[in-house]
All heavy atoms as atom14 arrays in JSON, in Angstrom:
{
  "sequence": "FRVTQATVSRDIRELKLTKISQGGGKKKYVMLSDMGGEG",
  "atom14_mask": [
    [1, 1, 1, 1, 1, 1, 1, 1, 1, 1, 1, 0, 0, 0],
    [1, 1, 1, 1, 1, 1, 1, 1, 1, 1, 1, 0, 0, 0],
    [1, 1, 1, 1, 1, 1, 1, 0, 0, 0, 0, 0, 0, 0],
    [1, 1, 1, 1, 1, 1, 1, 0, 0, 0, 0, 0, 0, 0],
    [1, 1, 1, 1, 1, 1, 1, 1, 1, 0, 0, 0, 0, 0],
    [1, 1, 1, 1, 1, 0, 0, 0, 0, 0, 0, 0, 0, 0],
    [1, 1, 1, 1, 1, 1, 1, 0, 0, 0, 0, 0, 0, 0],
    [1, 1, 1, 1, 1, 1, 1, 0, 0, 0, 0, 0, 0, 0],
    [1, 1, 1, 1, 1, 1, 0, 0, 0, 0, 0, 0, 0, 0],
    [1, 1, 1, 1, 1, 1, 1, 1, 1, 1, 1, 0, 0, 0],
    [1, 1, 1, 1, 1, 1, 1, 1, 0, 0, 0, 0, 0, 0],
    [1, 1, 1, 1, 1, 1, 1, 1, 0, 0, 0, 0, 0, 0],
    [1, 1, 1, 1, 1, 1, 1, 1, 1, 1, 1, 0, 0, 0],
    [1, 1, 1, 1, 1, 1, 1, 1, 1, 0, 0, 0, 0, 0],
    [1, 1, 1, 1, 1, 1, 1, 1, 0, 0, 0, 0, 0, 0],
    [1, 1, 1, 1, 1, 1, 1, 1, 1, 0, 0, 0, 0, 0],
    [1, 1, 1, 1, 1, 1, 1, 1, 0, 0, 0, 0, 0, 0],
    [1, 1, 1, 1, 1, 1, 1, 0, 0, 0, 0, 0, 0, 0],
    [1, 1, 1, 1, 1, 1, 1, 1, 1, 0, 0, 0, 0, 0],
    [1, 1, 1, 1, 1, 1, 1, 1, 0, 0, 0, 0, 0, 0],
    [1, 1, 1, 1, 1, 1, 0, 0, 0, 0, 0, 0, 0, 0],
    [1, 1, 1, 1, 1, 1, 1, 1, 1, 0, 0, 0, 0, 0],
    [1, 1, 1, 1, 0, 0, 0, 0, 0, 0, 0, 0, 0, 0],
    [1, 1, 1, 1, 0, 0, 0, 0, 0, 0, 0, 0, 0, 0],
    [1, 1, 1, 1, 0, 0, 0, 0, 0, 0, 0, 0, 0, 0],
    [1, 1, 1, 1, 1, 1, 1, 1, 1, 0, 0, 0, 0, 0],
    [1, 1, 1, 1, 1, 1, 1, 1, 1, 0, 0, 0, 0, 0],
    [1, 1, 1, 1, 1, 1, 1, 1, 1, 0, 0, 0, 0, 0],
    [1, 1, 1, 1, 1, 1, 1, 1, 1, 1, 1, 1, 0, 0],
    [1, 1, 1, 1, 1, 1, 1, 0, 0, 0, 0, 0, 0, 0],
    [1, 1, 1, 1, 1, 1, 1, 1, 0, 0, 0, 0, 0, 0],
    [1, 1, 1, 1, 1, 1, 1, 1, 0, 0, 0, 0, 0, 0],
    [1, 1, 1, 1, 1, 1, 0, 0, 0, 0, 0, 0, 0, 0],
    [1, 1, 1, 1, 1, 1, 1, 1, 0, 0, 0, 0, 0, 0],
    [1, 1, 1, 1, 1, 1, 1, 1, 0, 0, 0, 0, 0, 0],
    [1, 1, 1, 1, 0, 0, 0, 0, 0, 0, 0, 0, 0, 0],
    [1, 1, 1, 1, 0, 0, 0, 0, 0, 0, 0, 0, 0, 0],
    [1, 1, 1, 1, 1, 1, 1, 1, 1, 0, 0, 0, 0, 0],
    [1, 1, 1, 1, 0, 0, 0, 0, 0, 0, 0, 0, 0, 0]
  ],
  "atom14_positions": [
    [[7.03, 15.68, -20.27], [7.27, 15.77, -18.83], [8.32, 14.73, -18.46], [8.14, 13.55, -18.71], [5.98, 15.49, -18.05], [4.91, 16.52, -18.23], [4.02, 16.44, -19.29], [4.81, 17.58, -17.35], [3.04, 17.39, -19.47], [3.82, 18.53, -17.52], [2.93, 18.44, -18.59], [0.0, 0.0, 0.0], [0.0, 0.0, 0.0], [0.0, 0.0, 0.0]],
    [[9.42, 15.16, -17.91], [10.47, 14.23, -17.5], [10.19, 13.81, -16.07], [10.44, 14.57, -15.13], [11.85, 14.89, -17.62], [12.2, 15.28, -19.04], [12.35, 14.02, -19.91], [12.29, 14.38, -21.33], [11.52, 13.78, -22.21], [10.76, 12.78, -21.87], [11.53, 14.14, -23.47], [0.0, 0.0, 0.0], [0.0, 0.0, 0.0], [0.0, 0.0, 0.0]],
    [[9.62, 12.61, -15.91], [9.22, 12.13, -14.59], [9.73, 10.72, -14.35], [10.01, 9.98, -15.29], [7.67, 12.13, -14.44], [7.11, 13.54, -14.5], [7.01, 11.24, -15.47], [0.0, 0.0, 0.0], [0.0, 0.0, 0.0], [0.0, 0.0, 0.0], [0.0, 0.0, 0.0], [0.0, 0.0, 0.0], [0.0, 0.0, 0.0], [0.0, 0.0, 0.0]],
    [[9.81, 10.39, -13.09], [10.16, 9.03, -12.69], [8.9, 8.36, -12.14], [7.9, 9.02, -11.86], [11.23, 9.03, -11.58], [10.67, 9.65, -10.42], [12.49, 9.77, -12.02], [0.0, 0.0, 0.0], [0.0, 0.0, 0.0], [0.0, 0.0, 0.0], [0.0, 0.0, 0.0], [0.0, 0.0, 0.0], [0.0, 0.0, 0.0], [0.0, 0.0, 0.0]],
    [[8.97, 7.07, -11.96], [7.84, 6.33, -11.4], [7.54, 6.83, -9.99], [6.38, 6.91, -9.59], [8.15, 4.82, -11.42], [7.01, 3.94, -10.95], [7.06, 3.68, -9.45], [8.11, 3.68, -8.83], [5.89, 3.48, -8.87], [0.0, 0.0, 0.0], [0.0, 0.0, 0.0], [0.0, 0.0, 0.0], [0.0, 0.0, 0.0], [0.0, 0.0, 0.0]],
    [[8.55, 7.19, -9.22], [8.34, 7.69, -7.86], [7.54, 9.0, -7.87], [6.66, 9.2, -7.03], [9.68, 7.89, -7.16], [0.0, 0.0, 0.0], [0.0, 0.0, 0.0], [0.0, 0.0, 0.0], [0.0, 0.0, 0.0], [0.0, 0.0, 0.0], [0.0, 0.0, 0.0], [0.0, 0.0, 0.0], [0.0, 0.0, 0.0], [0.0, 0.0, 0.0]],
    [[7.85, 9.87, -8.83], [7.11, 11.13, -8.95], [5.66, 10.86, -9.31], [4.73, 11.44, -8.72], [7.74, 12.03, -10.03], [9.09, 12.3, -9.66], [6.99, 13.33, -10.19], [0.0, 0.0, 0.0], [0.0, 0.0, 0.0], [0.0, 0.0, 0.0], [0.0, 0.0, 0.0], [0.0, 0.0, 0.0], [0.0, 0.0, 0.0], [0.0, 0.0, 0.0]],
    [[5.44, 9.96, -10.24], [4.07, 9.6, -10.65], [3.32, 8.99, -9.47], [2.15, 9.29, -9.24], [4.09, 8.66, -11.87], [2.72, 8.07, -12.14], [4.61, 9.4, -13.1], [0.0, 0.0, 0.0], [0.0, 0.0, 0.0], [0.0, 0.0, 0.0], [0.0, 0.0, 0.0], [0.0, 0.0, 0.0], [0.0, 0.0, 0.0], [0.0, 0.0, 0.0]],
    [[3.99, 8.16, -8.69], [3.37, 7.55, -7.52], [2.9, 8.61, -6.52], [1.78, 8.54, -6.01], [4.37, 6.61, -6.85], [3.8, 6.02, -5.7], [0.0, 0.0, 0.0], [0.0, 0.0, 0.0], [0.0, 0.0, 0.0], [0.0, 0.0, 0.0], [0.0, 0.0, 0.0], [0.0, 0.0, 0.0], [0.0, 0.0, 0.0], [0.0, 0.0, 0.0]],
    [[3.74, 9.61, -6.27], [3.36, 10.72, -5.36], [2.18, 11.49, -5.93], [1.25, 11.85, -5.21], [4.54, 11.65, -5.11], [5.51, 11.16, -4.06], [6.52, 12.23, -3.68], [7.34, 12.67, -4.8], [8.44, 12.06, -5.22], [8.86, 10.97, -4.61], [9.13, 12.53, -6.23], [0.0, 0.0, 0.0], [0.0, 0.0, 0.0], [0.0, 0.0, 0.0]],
    [[2.22, 11.76, -7.24], [1.11, 12.5, -7.87], [-0.19, 11.72, -7.75], [-1.24, 12.31, -7.45], [1.43, 12.78, -9.34], [2.48, 13.86, -9.53], [2.71, 14.66, -8.59], [3.06, 13.92, -10.63], [0.0, 0.0, 0.0], [0.0, 0.0, 0.0], [0.0, 0.0, 0.0], [0.0, 0.0, 0.0], [0.0, 0.0, 0.0], [0.0, 0.0, 0.0]],
    [[-0.14, 10.43, -7.97], [-1.34, 9.59, -7.86], [-1.92, 9.68, -6.45], [-3.13, 9.83, -6.26], [-1.03, 8.13, -8.26], [-0.84, 8.04, -9.78], [-2.12, 7.18, -7.78], [-0.29, 6.72, -10.27], [0.0, 0.0, 0.0], [0.0, 0.0, 0.0], [0.0, 0.0, 0.0], [0.0, 0.0, 0.0], [0.0, 0.0, 0.0], [0.0, 0.0, 0.0]],
    [[-1.05, 9.61, -5.47], [-1.48, 9.7, -4.07], [-2.08, 11.07, -3.77], [-3.15, 11.18, -3.17], [-0.3, 9.39, -3.15], [-0.67, 9.12, -1.72], [0.47, 8.58, -0.88], [1.76, 9.21, -1.09], [2.77, 8.69, -1.78], [2.64, 7.51, -2.34], [3.91, 9.32, -1.92], [0.0, 0.0, 0.0], [0.0, 0.0, 0.0], [0.0, 0.0, 0.0]],
    [[-1.42, 12.14, -4.21], [-1.91, 13.5, -3.95], [-3.22, 13.78, -4.68], [-4.08, 14.51, -4.15], [-0.86, 14.52, -4.36], [0.34, 14.56, -3.44], [1.42, 15.52, -3.91], [1.16, 16.36, -4.78], [2.55, 15.41, -3.39], [0.0, 0.0, 0.0], [0.0, 0.0, 0.0], [0.0, 0.0, 0.0], [0.0, 0.0, 0.0], [0.0, 0.0, 0.0]],
    [[-3.38, 13.23, -5.87], [-4.6, 13.44, -6.65], [-5.74, 12.52, -6.2], [-6.86, 12.63, -6.69], [-4.33, 13.23, -8.14], [-3.45, 14.28, -8.8], [-3.01, 13.82, -10.18], [-4.18, 15.62, -8.88], [0.0, 0.0, 0.0], [0.0, 0.0, 0.0], [0.0, 0.0, 0.0], [0.0, 0.0, 0.0], [0.0, 0.0, 0.0], [0.0, 0.0, 0.0]],
    [[-5.42, 11.61, -5.28], [-6.39, 10.64, -4.77], [-7.01, 9.81, -5.91], [-8.22, 9.61, -5.97], [-7.47, 11.33, -3.95], [-6.9, 11.99, -2.71], [-7.96, 12.63, -1.87], [-7.27, 13.26, -0.67], [-8.11, 14.14, 0.07], [0.0, 0.0, 0.0], [0.0, 0.0, 0.0], [0.0, 0.0, 0.0], [0.0, 0.0, 0.0], [0.0, 0.0, 0.0]],
    [[-6.13, 9.34, -6.79], [-6.59, 8.47, -7.87], [-6.71, 7.05, -7.32], [-6.02, 6.68, -6.38], [-5.59, 8.49, -9.03], [-5.32, 9.83, -9.68], [-4.36, 9.67, -10.85], [-6.6, 10.51, -10.13], [0.0, 0.0, 0.0], [0.0, 0.0, 0.0], [0.0, 0.0, 0.0], [0.0, 0.0, 0.0], [0.0, 0.0, 0.0], [0.0, 0.0, 0.0]],
    [[-7.57, 6.29, -7.93], [-7.72, 4.9, -7.56], [-7.9, 4.08, -8.82], [-8.18, 4.62, -9.88], [-8.92, 4.69, -6.61], [-8.88, 3.36, -6.1], [-10.24, 4.94, -7.32], [0.0, 0.0, 0.0], [0.0, 0.0, 0.0], [0.0, 0.0, 0.0], [0.0, 0.0, 0.0], [0.0, 0.0, 0.0], [0.0, 0.0, 0.0], [0.0, 0.0, 0.0]],
    [[-7.71, 2.79, -8.69], [-7.92, 1.89, -9.83], [-9.28, 1.23, -9.68], [-9.67, 0.84, -8.58], [-6.86, 0.8, -9.87], [-5.55, 1.24, -10.44], [-4.67, 0.02, -10.6], [-3.33, 0.39, -11.18], [-2.49, -0.79, -11.36], [0.0, 0.0, 0.0], [0.0, 0.0, 0.0], [0.0, 0.0, 0.0], [0.0, 0.0, 0.0], [0.0, 0.0, 0.0]],
    [[-9.98, 1.12, -10.81], [-11.23, 0.38, -10.82], [-11.12, -0.74, -11.85], [-10.35, -0.64, -12.8], [-12.45, 1.26, -11.12], [-12.36, 1.89, -12.51], [-12.65, 2.3, -10.04], [-13.64, 2.5, -13.0], [0.0, 0.0, 0.0], [0.0, 0.0, 0.0], [0.0, 0.0, 0.0], [0.0, 0.0, 0.0], [0.0, 0.0, 0.0], [0.0, 0.0, 0.0]],
    [[-11.9, -1.77, -11.63], [-11.91, -2.91, -12.55], [-12.73, -2.58, -13.77], [-13.78, -1.95, -13.68], [-12.5, -4.12, -11.83], [-12.61, -5.19, -12.71], [0.0, 0.0, 0.0], [0.0, 0.0, 0.0], [0.0, 0.0, 0.0], [0.0, 0.0, 0.0], [0.0, 0.0, 0.0], [0.0, 0.0, 0.0], [0.0, 0.0, 0.0], [0.0, 0.0, 0.0]],
    [[-12.24, -3.01, -14.93], [-12.96, -2.84, -16.19], [-13.48, -4.16, -16.71], [-14.04, -4.22, -17.78], [-12.03, -2.24, -17.25], [-11.6, -0.86, -16.96], [-10.8, -0.35, -18.13], [-9.59, -0.54, -18.18], [-11.46, 0.27, -19.07], [0.0, 0.0, 0.0], [0.0, 0.0, 0.0], [0.0, 0.0, 0.0], [0.0, 0.0, 0.0], [0.0, 0.0, 0.0]],
    [[-13.3, -5.21, -15.96], [-13.69, -6.53, -16.43], [-12.55, -7.15, -17.21], [-11.66, -6.47, -17.7], [0.0, 0.0, 0.0], [0.0, 0.0, 0.0], [0.0, 0.0, 0.0], [0.0, 0.0, 0.0], [0.0, 0.0, 0.0], [0.0, 0.0, 0.0], [0.0, 0.0, 0.0], [0.0, 0.0, 0.0], [0.0, 0.0, 0.0], [0.0, 0.0, 0.0]],
    [[-12.55, -8.45, -17.31], [-11.5, -9.15, -18.03], [-10.14, -9.01, -17.39], [-9.13, -9.14, -18.06], [0.0, 0.0, 0.0], [0.0, 0.0, 0.0], [0.0, 0.0, 0.0], [0.0, 0.0, 0.0], [0.0, 0.0, 0.0], [0.0, 0.0, 0.0], [0.0, 0.0, 0.0], [0.0, 0.0, 0.0], [0.0, 0.0, 0.0], [0.0, 0.0, 0.0]],
    [[-10.11, -8.7, -16.11], [-8.85, -8.55, -15.41], [-8.14, -7.23, -15.62], [-7.07, -7.0, -15.09], [0.0, 0.0, 0.0], [0.0, 0.0, 0.0], [0.0, 0.0, 0.0], [0.0, 0.0, 0.0], [0.0, 0.0, 0.0], [0.0, 0.0, 0.0], [0.0, 0.0, 0.0], [0.0, 0.0, 0.0], [0.0, 0.0, 0.0], [0.0, 0.0, 0.0]],
    [[-8.72, -6.34, -16.42], [-8.1, -5.04, -16.69], [-8.57, -4.02, -15.67], [-9.7, -4.06, -15.22], [-8.45, -4.58, -18.09], [-7.91, -5.51, -19.18], [-7.91, -4.84, -20.5], [-6.59, -4.15, -20.57], [-6.25, -3.42, -21.7], [0.0, 0.0, 0.0], [0.0, 0.0, 0.0], [0.0, 0.0, 0.0], [0.0, 0.0, 0.0], [0.0, 0.0, 0.0]],
    [[-7.68, -3.12, -15.33], [-7.99, -2.03, -14.41], [-7.56, -0.72, -15.04], [-6.8, -0.71, -16.0], [-7.29, -2.24, -13.08], [-7.77, -3.46, -12.33], [-7.09, -3.56, -10.99], [-7.54, -4.79, -10.27], [-8.47, -4.54, -9.22], [0.0, 0.0, 0.0], [0.0, 0.0, 0.0], [0.0, 0.0, 0.0], [0.0, 0.0, 0.0], [0.0, 0.0, 0.0]],
    [[-8.04, 0.38, -14.46], [-7.59, 1.69, -14.92], [-7.69, 2.69, -13.78], [-8.45, 2.51, -12.83], [-8.42, 2.16, -16.12], [-9.84, 2.55, -15.78], [-10.52, 3.13, -17.0], [-11.92, 3.6, -16.66], [-12.55, 4.29, -17.77], [0.0, 0.0, 0.0], [0.0, 0.0, 0.0], [0.0, 0.0, 0.0], [0.0, 0.0, 0.0], [0.0, 0.0, 0.0]],
    [[-6.87, 3.74, -13.89], [-6.92, 4.8, -12.9], [-8.1, 5.72, -13.18], [-8.41, 6.03, -14.32], [-5.64, 5.64, -12.95], [-4.47, 4.98, -12.26], [-3.45, 4.4, -12.98], [-4.41, 4.94, -10.87], [-2.38, 3.79, -12.35], [-3.35, 4.33, -10.22], [-2.35, 3.76, -10.97], [-1.3, 3.16, -10.33], [0.0, 0.0, 0.0], [0.0, 0.0, 0.0]],
    [[-8.76, 6.14, -12.09], [-9.83, 7.13, -12.18], [-9.68, 8.09, -11.01], [-9.08, 7.77, -9.98], [-11.24, 6.5, -12.14], [-11.49, 5.64, -13.36], [-11.48, 5.74, -10.86], [0.0, 0.0, 0.0], [0.0, 0.0, 0.0], [0.0, 0.0, 0.0], [0.0, 0.0, 0.0], [0.0, 0.0, 0.0], [0.0, 0.0, 0.0], [0.0, 0.0, 0.0]],
    [[-10.24, 9.25, -11.18], [-10.27, 10.24, -10.11], [-11.59, 10.08, -9.39], [-12.66, 10.14, -10.0], [-10.16, 11.64, -10.71], [-10.07, 12.71, -9.68], [-9.76, 14.27, -10.52], [-10.41, 15.36, -9.3], [0.0, 0.0, 0.0], [0.0, 0.0, 0.0], [0.0, 0.0, 0.0], [0.0, 0.0, 0.0], [0.0, 0.0, 0.0], [0.0, 0.0, 0.0]],
    [[-11.54, 9.85, -8.1], [-12.77, 9.63, -7.36], [-13.61, 10.9, -7.25], [-14.81, 10.86, -7.37], [-12.47, 9.09, -5.97], [-11.99, 7.65, -5.93], [-11.69, 7.23, -4.51], [-13.0, 6.73, -6.54], [0.0, 0.0, 0.0], [0.0, 0.0, 0.0], [0.0, 0.0, 0.0], [0.0, 0.0, 0.0], [0.0, 0.0, 0.0], [0.0, 0.0, 0.0]],
    [[-12.97, 12.03, -7.0], [-13.75, 13.25, -6.82], [-12.84, 14.45, -6.81], [-11.67, 14.35, -6.51], [-14.5, 13.18, -5.49], [-15.14, 14.39, -5.22], [0.0, 0.0, 0.0], [0.0, 0.0, 0.0], [0.0, 0.0, 0.0], [0.0, 0.0, 0.0], [0.0, 0.0, 0.0], [0.0, 0.0, 0.0], [0.0, 0.0, 0.0], [0.0, 0.0, 0.0]],
    [[-13.39, 15.58, -7.14], [-12.64, 16.84, -7.05], [-12.77, 17.46, -5.66], [-12.19, 18.5, -5.39], [-13.16, 17.84, -8.08], [-12.75, 17.48, -9.49], [-11.7, 16.87, -9.68], [-13.51, 17.85, -10.39], [0.0, 0.0, 0.0], [0.0, 0.0, 0.0], [0.0, 0.0, 0.0], [0.0, 0.0, 0.0], [0.0, 0.0, 0.0], [0.0, 0.0, 0.0]],
    [[-13.56, 16.83, -4.77], [-13.87, 17.45, -3.48], [-12.72, 17.43, -2.5], [-12.5, 18.4, -1.79], [-15.06, 16.75, -2.84], [-16.35, 17.05, -3.54], [-17.68, 16.18, -2.77], [-17.39, 16.56, -1.06], [0.0, 0.0, 0.0], [0.0, 0.0, 0.0], [0.0, 0.0, 0.0], [0.0, 0.0, 0.0], [0.0, 0.0, 0.0], [0.0, 0.0, 0.0]],
    [[-12.06, 16.3, -2.33], [-11.0, 16.17, -1.34], [-11.57, 16.01, 0.05], [-12.72, 16.28, 0.32], [0.0, 0.0, 0.0], [0.0, 0.0, 0.0], [0.0, 0.0, 0.0], [0.0, 0.0, 0.0], [0.0, 0.0, 0.0], [0.0, 0.0, 0.0], [0.0, 0.0, 0.0], [0.0, 0.0, 0.0], [0.0, 0.0, 0.0], [0.0, 0.0, 0.0]],
    [[-10.74, 15.53, 0.95], [-11.12, 15.45, 2.35], [-12.04, 14.28, 2.66], [-12.23, 13.36, 1.88], [0.0, 0.0, 0.0], [0.0, 0.0, 0.0], [0.0, 0.0, 0.0], [0.0, 0.0, 0.0], [0.0, 0.0, 0.0], [0.0, 0.0, 0.0], [0.0, 0.0, 0.0], [0.0, 0.0, 0.0], [0.0, 0.0, 0.0], [0.0, 0.0, 0.0]],
    [[-12.66, 14.33, 3.84], [-13.49, 13.25, 4.32], [-14.78, 13.12, 3.55], [-15.42, 12.08, 3.56], [-13.78, 13.45, 5.81], [-12.56, 13.32, 6.68], [-12.86, 13.61, 8.13], [-14.05, 13.68, 8.48], [-11.91, 13.76, 8.89], [0.0, 0.0, 0.0], [0.0, 0.0, 0.0], [0.0, 0.0, 0.0], [0.0, 0.0, 0.0], [0.0, 0.0, 0.0]],
    [[-15.23, 14.16, 2.87], [-16.48, 14.12, 2.13], [-16.48, 13.03, 1.08], [-17.52, 12.42, 0.83], [0.0, 0.0, 0.0], [0.0, 0.0, 0.0], [0.0, 0.0, 0.0], [0.0, 0.0, 0.0], [0.0, 0.0, 0.0], [0.0, 0.0, 0.0], [0.0, 0.0, 0.0], [0.0, 0.0, 0.0], [0.0, 0.0, 0.0], [0.0, 0.0, 0.0]]
  ]
}
């Protein structure tokens, strides 16, 4: 996939991904839910 950081940033926002702490100062992206919206 030929992508830029800006494209990935938009995708992260649209997919509603968030970062969670893994301990030791490390974080990772996770998908909060497949539901979408206020739920």
